[in-house]
Amino acid sequence: MLFRQLFDPETSTYTYLIGDRATKFAVLIDPVLEQVERDIKLLNELGLTLKYCLETHIHADHITSTAKLRELTGCQGIVPENAQVACADRLMKDKEVLELGSVKIEAIATPGHTDSHNAYLVNGTHLLTGDALLIRGCGRTDFQSGNAEAMYDAITQRLFTLPDETLVYPGHDYRGQTVSTIGEEKQWNPRLAGRSRSEFVQLMANLNLPQPQKIQEAVPANQRCGSAAA
């Protein structure tokens, strides 16, 4: 497996490039519109054919590059099941597996940050958590049909039941951290470690966070897979 973690400094978004070395097929997870040239250049340098753009959820802080990459490469756009998106080529259900040669990407439904959100477990070792579980944190639950109860259940019952050595690669990090593990987050995540469901819900209800700067443009654009308004 070829695995690359890429970063957008404006929105602190991680995009993941995963490829199969034998078939040279690749998938980009949570690609960012402003980084299309970077991503195309890297695909070309590595001799990869982009087959899929895969979203963890409908983002509020950046515009996806799926529409542009689909135009440039002919790849398919995939979003979680129940996402309010009419433009996707495929919807990915809980426990569904996307295969690229020897690479297997399993969807794990993790609603809470939004009402349709998937984490993706790659070859049983690399867990791409999107905006559900972050390194020493978690995604907010106060807009886009967010639900703190659903997030607590998804993280504790679906993600924290994976082996402790499972690598955690989040959708964002604002402190320069790149990777964690399930074992670390169970022990050290201040929003979850030692907290009951009701304590977590109370904590999330009192964060009082500002709205993402791009929310007004990002959400409608991402519902069009990142294409410009008609």
Protein backbone atom coordinates (compact mmCIF):
# COMPACT_ATOMS: atom_id res chain seq x y z
CA MET A 1 0.00 0.00 0.00
CA LEU A 2 1.12 3.52 -0.82
CA PHE A 3 -0.04 6.03 1.80
CA ARG A 4 0.46 9.79 1.81
CA GLN A 5 -0.86 12.42 4.22
CA LEU A 6 -1.26 15.86 2.62
CA PHE A 7 -2.10 19.17 4.32
CA ASP A 8 -4.03 22.32 3.42
CA PRO A 9 -2.67 25.12 5.65
CA GLU A 10 -5.61 27.50 5.21
CA THR A 11 -8.18 25.08 6.67
CA SER A 12 -5.84 22.65 8.52
CA THR A 13 -7.38 19.85 6.45
CA TYR A 14 -5.65 16.53 5.85
CA THR A 15 -6.17 14.85 2.49
CA TYR A 16 -5.07 11.23 2.15
CA LEU A 17 -3.71 9.63 -1.00
CA ILE A 18 -3.88 5.85 -0.93
CA GLY A 19 -2.68 3.70 -3.78
CA ASP A 20 -2.15 0.08 -4.71
CA ARG A 21 1.41 -0.43 -5.92
CA ALA A 22 0.53 -3.32 -8.24
CA THR A 23 -2.45 -1.87 -10.13
CA LYS A 24 -1.35 1.78 -9.72
CA PHE A 25 -4.95 2.67 -8.82
CA ALA A 26 -5.46 5.40 -6.21
CA VAL A 27 -8.09 7.12 -4.08
CA LEU A 28 -8.03 10.61 -2.58
CA ILE A 29 -9.92 11.04 0.69
CA ASP A 30 -11.25 14.52 1.54
CA PRO A 31 -9.52 16.41 -1.31
CA VAL A 32 -9.43 20.24 -1.15
CA LEU A 33 -10.22 22.44 -4.17
CA GLU A 34 -7.24 24.77 -3.72
CA GLN A 35 -4.87 21.77 -3.75
CA VAL A 36 -5.88 20.23 -7.11
CA GLU A 37 -2.58 21.08 -8.82
CA ARG A 38 -0.57 19.60 -5.93
CA ASP A 39 -2.60 16.40 -5.97
CA ILE A 40 -2.50 15.95 -9.75
CA LYS A 41 1.26 16.54 -9.74
CA LEU A 42 1.79 13.91 -7.04
CA LEU A 43 -0.43 11.38 -8.82
CA ASN A 44 1.60 11.89 -11.99
CA GLU A 45 4.93 11.65 -10.19
CA LEU A 46 3.92 8.38 -8.57
CA GLY A 47 2.43 6.99 -11.80
CA LEU A 48 -1.01 6.54 -10.25
CA THR A 49 -4.47 6.54 -11.84
CA LEU A 50 -7.07 8.25 -9.66
CA LYS A 51 -10.13 5.99 -9.46
CA TYR A 52 -12.07 7.58 -6.61
CA CYS A 53 -12.50 10.72 -4.55
CA LEU A 54 -13.93 9.63 -1.22
CA GLU A 55 -15.51 12.00 1.32
CA THR A 56 -15.84 11.35 5.05
CA HIS A 57 -18.77 13.82 5.13
CA ILE A 58 -20.12 17.06 3.67
CA HIS A 59 -17.57 19.61 4.85
CA ALA A 60 -18.31 23.07 6.22
CA ASP A 61 -14.78 24.48 6.27
CA HIS A 62 -13.45 23.82 2.77
CA ILE A 63 -14.72 23.07 -0.73
CA THR A 64 -14.01 19.61 -2.07
CA SER A 65 -12.10 19.19 -5.33
CA THR A 66 -14.10 16.11 -6.36
CA ALA A 67 -15.90 17.86 -9.24
CA LYS A 68 -12.64 19.28 -10.62
CA LEU A 69 -10.76 16.01 -10.24
CA ARG A 70 -13.62 14.09 -11.84
CA GLU A 71 -13.41 16.50 -14.78
CA LEU A 72 -9.62 16.11 -15.06
CA THR A 73 -9.23 12.38 -14.40
CA GLY A 74 -12.60 10.68 -14.91
CA CYS A 75 -12.57 9.42 -11.30
CA GLN A 76 -15.74 8.64 -9.38
CA GLY A 77 -17.00 10.70 -6.44
CA ILE A 78 -18.16 8.74 -3.39
CA VAL A 79 -19.94 10.11 -0.31
CA PRO A 80 -21.43 8.43 2.79
CA GLU A 81 -24.89 6.96 2.55
CA ASN A 82 -27.65 9.48 3.45
CA ALA A 83 -25.50 12.51 2.59
CA GLN A 84 -27.61 15.23 0.99
CA VAL A 85 -25.72 15.10 -2.30
CA ALA A 86 -27.23 14.55 -5.74
CA CYS A 87 -23.98 14.66 -7.71
CA ALA A 88 -22.13 11.65 -6.26
CA ASP A 89 -21.41 8.62 -8.42
CA ARG A 90 -21.75 6.29 -5.45
CA LEU A 91 -22.95 6.24 -1.86
CA MET A 92 -20.94 4.17 0.61
CA LYS A 93 -22.82 2.28 3.30
CA ASP A 94 -21.67 1.23 6.75
CA LYS A 95 -19.36 -1.83 6.52
CA GLU A 96 -19.14 -1.58 2.73
CA VAL A 97 -15.64 -2.23 1.39
CA LEU A 98 -14.00 -0.36 -1.48
CA GLU A 99 -11.19 -2.34 -3.11
CA LEU A 100 -8.19 -1.09 -5.08
CA GLY A 101 -6.13 -4.18 -5.81
CA SER A 102 -4.77 -5.31 -2.46
CA VAL A 103 -6.04 -2.18 -0.68
CA LYS A 104 -9.34 -2.58 1.17
CA ILE A 105 -11.14 0.47 2.55
CA GLU A 106 -14.02 -0.34 4.93
CA ALA A 107 -16.62 2.30 5.79
CA ILE A 108 -17.55 2.70 9.45
CA ALA A 109 -20.62 4.87 10.01
CA THR A 110 -19.71 7.54 12.57
CA PRO A 111 -22.54 10.10 12.64
CA GLY A 112 -22.52 12.96 15.13
CA HIS A 113 -20.43 15.71 13.58
CA THR A 114 -22.96 15.57 10.75
CA ASP A 115 -25.86 13.18 10.25
CA SER A 116 -23.97 11.30 7.53
CA HIS A 117 -20.30 10.66 8.29
CA ASN A 118 -18.00 7.71 7.66
CA ALA A 119 -14.62 6.80 9.05
CA TYR A 120 -12.56 4.56 6.76
CA LEU A 121 -10.43 1.64 7.95
CA VAL A 122 -7.70 0.89 5.43
CA ASN A 123 -6.28 -2.64 5.38
CA GLY A 124 -7.26 -3.02 9.03
CA THR A 125 -4.43 -0.77 10.23
CA HIS A 126 -4.97 2.86 9.17
CA LEU A 127 -8.17 4.54 10.42
CA LEU A 128 -9.14 7.77 8.67
CA THR A 129 -11.51 9.37 11.16
CA GLY A 130 -12.60 12.52 9.30
CA ASP A 131 -14.15 14.97 11.76
CA ALA A 132 -15.42 12.33 14.19
CA LEU A 133 -12.35 11.47 16.28
CA LEU A 134 -9.52 14.01 16.21
CA ILE A 135 -6.14 13.78 17.90
CA ARG A 136 -6.94 14.64 21.54
CA GLY A 137 -10.32 15.98 20.46
CA CYS A 138 -13.41 15.38 18.33
CA GLY A 139 -15.51 17.20 15.77
CA ARG A 140 -18.11 19.72 16.85
CA THR A 141 -21.78 18.75 16.95
CA ASP A 142 -23.58 22.09 16.95
CA PHE A 143 -24.59 22.44 13.27
CA GLN A 144 -25.31 20.38 10.10
CA SER A 145 -27.66 18.08 12.04
CA GLY A 146 -24.90 17.31 14.52
CA ASN A 147 -25.70 15.09 17.49
CA ALA A 148 -23.43 14.66 20.51
CA GLU A 149 -25.15 11.45 21.66
CA ALA A 150 -24.63 9.87 18.24
CA MET A 151 -20.99 10.94 18.18
CA TYR A 152 -20.26 9.49 21.63
CA ASP A 153 -21.85 6.19 20.64
CA ALA A 154 -20.03 6.05 17.29
CA ILE A 155 -16.62 6.76 18.81
CA THR A 156 -16.95 4.53 21.86
CA GLN A 157 -18.81 1.63 20.25
CA ARG A 158 -17.35 1.61 16.72
CA LEU A 159 -13.89 3.20 16.86
CA PHE A 160 -12.70 2.51 20.41
CA THR A 161 -13.48 -1.18 19.94
CA LEU A 162 -10.76 -1.45 17.27
CA PRO A 163 -7.32 -2.73 18.34
CA ASP A 164 -5.34 -0.22 20.42
CA GLU A 165 -2.50 -0.18 17.87
CA THR A 166 -4.81 0.99 15.05
CA LEU A 167 -3.36 4.20 13.61
CA VAL A 168 -5.64 7.24 13.78
CA TYR A 169 -5.39 9.75 10.93
CA PRO A 170 -7.83 12.66 11.44
CA GLY A 171 -9.47 14.97 8.91
CA HIS A 172 -7.98 18.03 10.62
CA ASP A 173 -5.40 19.01 13.16
CA TYR A 174 -4.83 22.53 14.42
CA ARG A 175 -1.76 21.83 16.55
CA GLY A 176 0.57 20.17 14.05
CA GLN A 177 -0.08 16.59 15.10
CA THR A 178 -0.25 14.06 12.28
CA VAL A 179 -1.14 10.64 13.71
CA SER A 180 -2.30 8.96 16.90
CA THR A 181 -3.58 5.51 17.87
CA ILE A 182 -6.85 4.18 19.21
CA GLY A 183 -5.09 3.23 22.45
CA GLU A 184 -3.74 6.76 22.91
CA GLU A 185 -7.09 8.40 22.29
CA LYS A 186 -8.91 6.07 24.68
CA GLN A 187 -6.42 7.06 27.38
CA TRP A 188 -5.63 10.71 26.65
CA ASN A 189 -8.45 12.30 24.63
CA PRO A 190 -9.74 14.98 27.05
CA ARG A 191 -13.24 15.04 25.58
CA LEU A 192 -13.76 11.29 25.90
CA ALA A 193 -11.40 9.63 28.36
CA GLY A 194 -13.23 8.90 31.61
CA ARG A 195 -16.39 10.75 30.52
CA SER A 196 -19.86 9.27 30.58
CA ARG A 197 -22.24 9.81 27.69
CA SER A 198 -24.13 12.52 29.59
CA GLU A 199 -20.88 14.28 30.59
CA PHE A 200 -19.75 14.27 26.98
CA VAL A 201 -23.08 15.70 25.79
CA GLN A 202 -22.90 18.47 28.38
CA LEU A 203 -19.31 19.30 27.38
CA MET A 204 -20.20 19.50 23.68
CA ALA A 205 -23.21 21.71 24.38
CA ASN A 206 -21.01 24.33 26.05
CA LEU A 207 -18.10 24.71 23.63
CA ASN A 208 -19.44 27.99 22.15
CA LEU A 209 -17.29 27.74 19.03
CA PRO A 210 -17.39 30.31 16.19
CA GLN A 211 -18.83 29.26 12.84
CA PRO A 212 -16.29 28.05 10.24
CA GLN A 213 -15.30 30.98 8.04
CA LYS A 214 -16.29 29.24 4.81
CA ILE A 215 -19.51 27.55 5.97
CA GLN A 216 -21.85 29.70 3.84
CA GLU A 217 -20.05 28.80 0.63
CA ALA A 218 -18.59 25.40 1.51
CA VAL A 219 -21.72 23.46 2.44
CA PRO A 220 -23.77 24.34 -0.69
CA ALA A 221 -20.71 23.82 -2.91
CA ASN A 222 -19.97 20.43 -1.35
CA GLN A 223 -23.56 19.39 -1.90
CA ARG A 224 -22.65 19.86 -5.58
CA CYS A 225 -19.40 17.86 -5.09
CA GLY A 226 -17.45 21.10 -5.25
CA SER A 227 -18.71 22.38 -8.60
CA ALA A 228 -19.62 26.02 -9.13
CA ALA A 229 -23.25 27.10 -8.72
CA ALA A 230 -25.39 26.62 -11.79
